[in-house]
Amino acid sequence: MVEHRLEAGRHAWLQVVRGSVELNGTKLGAGDGAAVSDEGMLTLMAEDDSEVILFDLA
């Protein structure tokens, strides 16, 4: 499990490159992306060999 705190007014984009993950309770698979706003904490659960890219955006 990985947690990432988003400061107030910030947004995020998560791109799943390989495998499958769960982001704040939402399941995502390879090729999926998720835009995140108005969340203070991102909780990411991943299967073995999963790969993601997380962008913390202004």
C-alpha atoms as a PDB file:
ATOM      1  CA  MET A   1       0.000   0.000   0.000  1.00  0.00           C
ATOM      2  CA  VAL A   2       1.200   3.486  -0.869  1.00  0.00           C
ATOM      3  CA  GLU A   3      -0.294   6.728   0.416  1.00  0.00           C
ATOM      4  CA  HIS A   4       0.229  10.169  -1.095  1.00  0.00           C
ATOM      5  CA  ARG A   5      -1.061  13.343   0.535  1.00  0.00           C
ATOM      6  CA  LEU A   6      -2.412  16.082  -1.728  1.00  0.00           C
ATOM      7  CA  GLU A   7      -2.157  19.597  -0.370  1.00  0.00           C
ATOM      8  CA  ALA A   8      -5.234  21.853  -0.592  1.00  0.00           C
ATOM      9  CA  GLY A   9      -5.847  23.116  -4.123  1.00  0.00           C
ATOM     10  CA  ARG A  10      -3.749  20.389  -5.774  1.00  0.00           C
ATOM     11  CA  HIS A  11      -4.948  17.695  -8.165  1.00  0.00           C
ATOM     12  CA  ALA A  12      -3.539  14.390  -9.379  1.00  0.00           C
ATOM     13  CA  TRP A  13      -3.494  12.133 -12.408  1.00  0.00           C
ATOM     14  CA  LEU A  14      -2.723   8.435 -12.021  1.00  0.00           C
ATOM     15  CA  GLN A  15      -1.821   6.385 -15.097  1.00  0.00           C
ATOM     16  CA  VAL A  16      -1.699   2.588 -14.819  1.00  0.00           C
ATOM     17  CA  VAL A  17       1.120   1.359 -17.044  1.00  0.00           C
ATOM     18  CA  ARG A  18       1.036  -2.345 -16.156  1.00  0.00           C
ATOM     19  CA  GLY A  19      -1.034  -4.635 -13.926  1.00  0.00           C
ATOM     20  CA  SER A  20      -4.021  -3.565 -11.870  1.00  0.00           C
ATOM     21  CA  VAL A  21      -4.421  -1.277  -8.883  1.00  0.00           C
ATOM     22  CA  GLU A  22      -7.046   0.113  -6.560  1.00  0.00           C
ATOM     23  CA  LEU A  23      -7.056   3.882  -6.045  1.00  0.00           C
ATOM     24  CA  ASN A  24      -9.191   5.057  -3.102  1.00  0.00           C
ATOM     25  CA  GLY A  25     -11.414   2.017  -3.592  1.00  0.00           C
ATOM     26  CA  THR A  26     -11.714   2.251  -7.395  1.00  0.00           C
ATOM     27  CA  LYS A  27     -10.212  -0.585  -9.432  1.00  0.00           C
ATOM     28  CA  LEU A  28      -8.093   0.342 -12.455  1.00  0.00           C
ATOM     29  CA  GLY A  29      -6.310  -1.799 -15.028  1.00  0.00           C
ATOM     30  CA  ALA A  30      -3.446  -1.383 -17.480  1.00  0.00           C
ATOM     31  CA  GLY A  31      -4.062   1.610 -19.731  1.00  0.00           C
ATOM     32  CA  ASP A  32      -6.566   3.237 -17.353  1.00  0.00           C
ATOM     33  CA  GLY A  33      -6.084   6.736 -16.019  1.00  0.00           C
ATOM     34  CA  ALA A  34      -7.774   8.610 -13.191  1.00  0.00           C
ATOM     35  CA  ALA A  35      -8.142  12.340 -12.576  1.00  0.00           C
ATOM     36  CA  VAL A  36      -8.356  13.215  -8.887  1.00  0.00           C
ATOM     37  CA  SER A  37      -9.570  16.464  -7.322  1.00  0.00           C
ATOM     38  CA  ASP A  38     -10.839  17.394  -3.856  1.00  0.00           C
ATOM     39  CA  GLU A  39      -9.076  14.469  -2.133  1.00  0.00           C
ATOM     40  CA  GLY A  40      -6.617  15.000   0.689  1.00  0.00           C
ATOM     41  CA  MET A  41      -5.130  11.507   0.588  1.00  0.00           C
ATOM     42  CA  LEU A  42      -4.592   8.994  -2.191  1.00  0.00           C
ATOM     43  CA  THR A  43      -4.378   5.346  -1.138  1.00  0.00           C
ATOM     44  CA  LEU A  44      -3.006   2.981  -3.737  1.00  0.00           C
ATOM     45  CA  MET A  45      -3.146  -0.817  -3.455  1.00  0.00           C
ATOM     46  CA  ALA A  46      -1.352  -2.723  -6.213  1.00  0.00           C
ATOM     47  CA  GLU A  47      -0.816  -6.284  -7.323  1.00  0.00           C
ATOM     48  CA  ASP A  48       2.737  -7.559  -7.717  1.00  0.00           C
ATOM     49  CA  ASP A  49       4.490  -6.254 -10.845  1.00  0.00           C
ATOM     50  CA  SER A  50       2.047  -3.366 -11.291  1.00  0.00           C
ATOM     51  CA  GLU A  51       3.478  -0.083 -12.513  1.00  0.00           C
ATOM     52  CA  VAL A  52       1.889   3.372 -12.276  1.00  0.00           C
ATOM     53  CA  ILE A  53       2.815   6.990 -12.874  1.00  0.00           C
ATOM     54  CA  LEU A  54       1.405   9.578 -10.444  1.00  0.00           C
ATOM     55  CA  PHE A  55       1.344  13.255 -11.380  1.00  0.00           C
ATOM     56  CA  ASP A  56       0.788  15.727  -8.498  1.00  0.00           C
ATOM     57  CA  LEU A  57      -0.600  18.808 -10.261  1.00  0.00           C
ATOM     58  CA  ALA A  58      -1.264  22.436  -9.352  1.00  0.00           C
END
